[in-house]
Amino acid sequence: MTIVPKPHVSFLLDADPVQARARKPEYPLEFLHTNRASYIALTELIGGITIIDPMPAREAHEHIWKHVLKQLSLDECQYTRSTELLDADHRVHAPLDEEDVHPNVS
Protein backbone atom coordinates (compact mmCIF):
# COMPACT_ATOMS: atom_id res chain seq x y z
CA MET A 1 0.00 0.00 0.00
CA THR A 2 2.55 2.60 -1.07
CA ILE A 3 0.58 4.30 -3.81
CA VAL A 4 -0.10 7.35 -1.64
CA PRO A 5 1.72 8.75 1.39
CA LYS A 6 0.68 7.31 4.73
CA PRO A 7 -1.29 9.82 6.81
CA HIS A 8 0.00 10.91 10.21
CA VAL A 9 -3.35 10.04 11.78
CA SER A 10 -6.27 7.99 10.53
CA PHE A 11 -9.37 6.59 12.15
CA LEU A 12 -12.02 3.98 11.64
CA LEU A 13 -15.26 4.94 13.35
CA ASP A 14 -16.62 1.54 14.32
CA ALA A 15 -20.35 0.95 14.51
CA ASP A 16 -22.42 -1.82 15.99
CA PRO A 17 -24.15 -3.46 12.98
CA VAL A 18 -27.48 -3.82 14.84
CA GLN A 19 -27.50 -0.14 15.81
CA ALA A 20 -26.39 0.87 12.32
CA ARG A 21 -29.28 -1.11 10.83
CA ALA A 22 -31.71 0.71 13.12
CA ARG A 23 -30.50 3.98 11.54
CA LYS A 24 -30.17 2.64 7.99
CA PRO A 25 -32.73 -0.17 7.56
CA GLU A 26 -32.12 -0.34 3.80
CA TYR A 27 -28.91 -2.30 4.47
CA PRO A 28 -29.28 -6.00 5.34
CA LEU A 29 -27.76 -6.95 8.70
CA GLU A 30 -25.46 -9.55 7.11
CA PHE A 31 -24.07 -6.85 4.78
CA LEU A 32 -23.31 -4.61 7.77
CA HIS A 33 -21.52 -7.44 9.62
CA THR A 34 -19.47 -8.30 6.51
CA ASN A 35 -18.66 -4.65 5.79
CA ARG A 36 -17.54 -4.04 9.38
CA ALA A 37 -15.31 -7.13 9.34
CA SER A 38 -13.75 -5.97 6.07
CA TYR A 39 -12.90 -2.54 7.45
CA ILE A 40 -11.39 -4.04 10.60
CA ALA A 41 -9.34 -6.44 8.47
CA LEU A 42 -8.16 -3.47 6.40
CA THR A 43 -6.93 -1.68 9.53
CA GLU A 44 -4.90 -4.77 10.43
CA LEU A 45 -3.48 -5.03 6.92
CA ILE A 46 -2.50 -1.37 6.60
CA GLY A 47 -1.68 -0.61 10.22
CA GLY A 48 -1.55 2.81 11.81
CA ILE A 49 -5.33 3.22 11.89
CA THR A 50 -6.94 3.92 15.24
CA ILE A 51 -10.29 2.19 15.68
CA ILE A 52 -12.79 4.33 17.57
CA ASP A 53 -15.17 1.98 19.36
CA PRO A 54 -18.92 2.55 19.06
CA MET A 55 -19.81 5.46 21.35
CA PRO A 56 -21.90 8.62 21.30
CA ALA A 57 -20.70 11.22 18.79
CA ARG A 58 -19.58 13.69 21.47
CA GLU A 59 -17.36 11.08 23.15
CA ALA A 60 -15.93 9.97 19.80
CA HIS A 61 -15.14 13.61 18.99
CA GLU A 62 -13.26 14.03 22.28
CA HIS A 63 -11.41 10.74 21.82
CA ILE A 64 -10.30 11.71 18.32
CA TRP A 65 -9.11 15.16 19.46
CA LYS A 66 -7.04 13.61 22.25
CA HIS A 67 -5.45 11.17 19.84
CA VAL A 68 -4.75 13.79 17.17
CA LEU A 69 -3.13 16.17 19.65
CA LYS A 70 -1.01 13.34 21.05
CA GLN A 71 0.01 12.03 17.62
CA LEU A 72 0.91 15.38 16.15
CA SER A 73 2.57 16.62 19.37
CA LEU A 74 0.90 19.98 19.12
CA ASP A 75 2.13 22.67 21.46
CA GLU A 76 -1.02 24.16 23.00
CA CYS A 77 0.69 27.53 23.43
CA GLN A 78 1.03 27.88 19.66
CA TYR A 79 -2.63 27.18 19.04
CA THR A 80 -4.45 29.55 21.38
CA ARG A 81 -7.63 29.72 19.27
CA SER A 82 -7.92 25.93 19.27
CA THR A 83 -7.01 25.45 22.90
CA GLU A 84 -9.58 27.94 24.12
CA LEU A 85 -11.94 25.03 23.58
CA LEU A 86 -9.85 22.47 25.47
CA ASP A 87 -9.30 21.83 29.15
CA ALA A 88 -6.11 20.30 30.61
CA ASP A 89 -7.22 16.82 29.51
CA HIS A 90 -7.91 18.04 25.95
CA ARG A 91 -11.66 17.71 26.38
CA VAL A 92 -13.53 19.75 23.83
CA HIS A 93 -15.94 22.25 25.34
CA ALA A 94 -17.51 23.67 22.19
CA PRO A 95 -17.18 23.25 18.44
CA LEU A 96 -15.51 25.93 16.36
CA ASP A 97 -18.01 28.35 14.95
CA GLU A 98 -18.04 29.48 11.34
CA GLU A 99 -16.12 32.68 12.20
CA ASP A 100 -13.21 30.62 13.57
CA VAL A 101 -13.03 28.56 10.40
CA HIS A 102 -13.71 31.37 7.89
CA PRO A 103 -12.94 34.72 9.52
CA ASN A 104 -14.96 37.61 8.20
CA VAL A 105 -12.52 39.87 6.36
CA SER A 106 -13.74 43.48 6.23
C-alpha atoms as a PDB file:
ATOM      1  CA  MET A   1       0.000   0.000   0.000  1.00  0.00           C
ATOM      2  CA  THR A   2       2.550   2.597  -1.066  1.00  0.00           C
ATOM      3  CA  ILE A   3       0.580   4.303  -3.807  1.00  0.00           C
ATOM      4  CA  VAL A   4      -0.101   7.352  -1.643  1.00  0.00           C
ATOM      5  CA  PRO A   5       1.719   8.749   1.386  1.00  0.00           C
ATOM      6  CA  LYS A   6       0.682   7.307   4.730  1.00  0.00           C
ATOM      7  CA  PRO A   7      -1.288   9.819   6.813  1.00  0.00           C
ATOM      8  CA  HIS A   8      -0.004  10.912  10.206  1.00  0.00           C
ATOM      9  CA  VAL A   9      -3.346  10.040  11.777  1.00  0.00           C
ATOM     10  CA  SER A  10      -6.267   7.994  10.535  1.00  0.00           C
ATOM     11  CA  PHE A  11      -9.370   6.592  12.151  1.00  0.00           C
ATOM     12  CA  LEU A  12     -12.024   3.980  11.639  1.00  0.00           C
ATOM     13  CA  LEU A  13     -15.265   4.936  13.352  1.00  0.00           C
ATOM     14  CA  ASP A  14     -16.621   1.535  14.322  1.00  0.00           C
ATOM     15  CA  ALA A  15     -20.348   0.952  14.510  1.00  0.00           C
ATOM     16  CA  ASP A  16     -22.417  -1.823  15.986  1.00  0.00           C
ATOM     17  CA  PRO A  17     -24.150  -3.462  12.981  1.00  0.00           C
ATOM     18  CA  VAL A  18     -27.477  -3.822  14.841  1.00  0.00           C
ATOM     19  CA  GLN A  19     -27.499  -0.138  15.813  1.00  0.00           C
ATOM     20  CA  ALA A  20     -26.392   0.873  12.318  1.00  0.00           C
ATOM     21  CA  ARG A  21     -29.281  -1.111  10.827  1.00  0.00           C
ATOM     22  CA  ALA A  22     -31.706   0.709  13.119  1.00  0.00           C
ATOM     23  CA  ARG A  23     -30.500   3.980  11.543  1.00  0.00           C
ATOM     24  CA  LYS A  24     -30.172   2.636   7.986  1.00  0.00           C
ATOM     25  CA  PRO A  25     -32.726  -0.166   7.556  1.00  0.00           C
ATOM     26  CA  GLU A  26     -32.121  -0.345   3.798  1.00  0.00           C
ATOM     27  CA  TYR A  27     -28.911  -2.298   4.470  1.00  0.00           C
ATOM     28  CA  PRO A  28     -29.277  -5.998   5.343  1.00  0.00           C
ATOM     29  CA  LEU A  29     -27.757  -6.949   8.701  1.00  0.00           C
ATOM     30  CA  GLU A  30     -25.461  -9.550   7.114  1.00  0.00           C
ATOM     31  CA  PHE A  31     -24.068  -6.847   4.783  1.00  0.00           C
ATOM     32  CA  LEU A  32     -23.311  -4.612   7.771  1.00  0.00           C
ATOM     33  CA  HIS A  33     -21.519  -7.437   9.621  1.00  0.00           C
ATOM     34  CA  THR A  34     -19.468  -8.297   6.511  1.00  0.00           C
ATOM     35  CA  ASN A  35     -18.664  -4.653   5.789  1.00  0.00           C
ATOM     36  CA  ARG A  36     -17.541  -4.044   9.384  1.00  0.00           C
ATOM     37  CA  ALA A  37     -15.314  -7.134   9.340  1.00  0.00           C
ATOM     38  CA  SER A  38     -13.749  -5.972   6.065  1.00  0.00           C
ATOM     39  CA  TYR A  39     -12.902  -2.544   7.449  1.00  0.00           C
ATOM     40  CA  ILE A  40     -11.394  -4.037  10.603  1.00  0.00           C
ATOM     41  CA  ALA A  41      -9.336  -6.442   8.469  1.00  0.00           C
ATOM     42  CA  LEU A  42      -8.158  -3.472   6.402  1.00  0.00           C
ATOM     43  CA  THR A  43      -6.930  -1.675   9.532  1.00  0.00           C
ATOM     44  CA  GLU A  44      -4.897  -4.771  10.435  1.00  0.00           C
ATOM     45  CA  LEU A  45      -3.477  -5.028   6.916  1.00  0.00           C
ATOM     46  CA  ILE A  46      -2.496  -1.371   6.596  1.00  0.00           C
ATOM     47  CA  GLY A  47      -1.682  -0.613  10.223  1.00  0.00           C
ATOM     48  CA  GLY A  48      -1.554   2.814  11.807  1.00  0.00           C
ATOM     49  CA  ILE A  49      -5.327   3.221  11.887  1.00  0.00           C
ATOM     50  CA  THR A  50      -6.940   3.916  15.238  1.00  0.00           C
ATOM     51  CA  ILE A  51     -10.289   2.191  15.679  1.00  0.00           C
ATOM     52  CA  ILE A  52     -12.787   4.326  17.569  1.00  0.00           C
ATOM     53  CA  ASP A  53     -15.169   1.977  19.359  1.00  0.00           C
ATOM     54  CA  PRO A  54     -18.921   2.551  19.056  1.00  0.00           C
ATOM     55  CA  MET A  55     -19.812   5.460  21.345  1.00  0.00           C
ATOM     56  CA  PRO A  56     -21.896   8.624  21.303  1.00  0.00           C
ATOM     57  CA  ALA A  57     -20.696  11.223  18.793  1.00  0.00           C
ATOM     58  CA  ARG A  58     -19.578  13.695  21.471  1.00  0.00           C
ATOM     59  CA  GLU A  59     -17.361  11.078  23.154  1.00  0.00           C
ATOM     60  CA  ALA A  60     -15.926   9.974  19.802  1.00  0.00           C
ATOM     61  CA  HIS A  61     -15.141  13.608  18.989  1.00  0.00           C
ATOM     62  CA  GLU A  62     -13.258  14.032  22.275  1.00  0.00           C
ATOM     63  CA  HIS A  63     -11.413  10.738  21.824  1.00  0.00           C
ATOM     64  CA  ILE A  64     -10.298  11.714  18.316  1.00  0.00           C
ATOM     65  CA  TRP A  65      -9.108  15.158  19.460  1.00  0.00           C
ATOM     66  CA  LYS A  66      -7.037  13.608  22.249  1.00  0.00           C
ATOM     67  CA  HIS A  67      -5.450  11.166  19.836  1.00  0.00           C
ATOM     68  CA  VAL A  68      -4.751  13.788  17.165  1.00  0.00           C
ATOM     69  CA  LEU A  69      -3.125  16.171  19.645  1.00  0.00           C
ATOM     70  CA  LYS A  70      -1.014  13.343  21.046  1.00  0.00           C
ATOM     71  CA  GLN A  71       0.010  12.034  17.616  1.00  0.00           C
ATOM     72  CA  LEU A  72       0.905  15.384  16.147  1.00  0.00           C
ATOM     73  CA  SER A  73       2.569  16.616  19.371  1.00  0.00           C
ATOM     74  CA  LEU A  74       0.897  19.983  19.123  1.00  0.00           C
ATOM     75  CA  ASP A  75       2.127  22.672  21.460  1.00  0.00           C
ATOM     76  CA  GLU A  76      -1.021  24.158  22.997  1.00  0.00           C
ATOM     77  CA  CYS A  77       0.689  27.529  23.428  1.00  0.00           C
ATOM     78  CA  GLN A  78       1.034  27.878  19.658  1.00  0.00           C
ATOM     79  CA  TYR A  79      -2.634  27.177  19.043  1.00  0.00           C
ATOM     80  CA  THR A  80      -4.450  29.546  21.378  1.00  0.00           C
ATOM     81  CA  ARG A  81      -7.632  29.723  19.266  1.00  0.00           C
ATOM     82  CA  SER A  82      -7.923  25.932  19.271  1.00  0.00           C
ATOM     83  CA  THR A  83      -7.005  25.446  22.900  1.00  0.00           C
ATOM     84  CA  GLU A  84      -9.583  27.936  24.115  1.00  0.00           C
ATOM     85  CA  LEU A  85     -11.938  25.029  23.579  1.00  0.00           C
ATOM     86  CA  LEU A  86      -9.851  22.469  25.469  1.00  0.00           C
ATOM     87  CA  ASP A  87      -9.295  21.826  29.152  1.00  0.00           C
ATOM     88  CA  ALA A  88      -6.111  20.302  30.608  1.00  0.00           C
ATOM     89  CA  ASP A  89      -7.221  16.815  29.509  1.00  0.00           C
ATOM     90  CA  HIS A  90      -7.913  18.035  25.946  1.00  0.00           C
ATOM     91  CA  ARG A  91     -11.657  17.712  26.376  1.00  0.00           C
ATOM     92  CA  VAL A  92     -13.530  19.752  23.827  1.00  0.00           C
ATOM     93  CA  HIS A  93     -15.942  22.254  25.344  1.00  0.00           C
ATOM     94  CA  ALA A  94     -17.510  23.674  22.187  1.00  0.00           C
ATOM     95  CA  PRO A  95     -17.181  23.250  18.440  1.00  0.00           C
ATOM     96  CA  LEU A  96     -15.509  25.928  16.359  1.00  0.00           C
ATOM     97  CA  ASP A  97     -18.014  28.348  14.949  1.00  0.00           C
ATOM     98  CA  GLU A  98     -18.044  29.480  11.338  1.00  0.00           C
ATOM     99  CA  GLU A  99     -16.117  32.680  12.199  1.00  0.00           C
ATOM    100  CA  ASP A 100     -13.209  30.616  13.569  1.00  0.00           C
ATOM    101  CA  VAL A 101     -13.034  28.558  10.400  1.00  0.00           C
ATOM    102  CA  HIS A 102     -13.714  31.370   7.891  1.00  0.00           C
ATOM    103  CA  PRO A 103     -12.936  34.724   9.518  1.00  0.00           C
ATOM    104  CA  ASN A 104     -14.957  37.613   8.204  1.00  0.00           C
ATOM    105  CA  VAL A 105     -12.518  39.873   6.360  1.00  0.00           C
ATOM    106  CA  SER A 106     -13.741  43.483   6.233  1.00  0.00           C
END
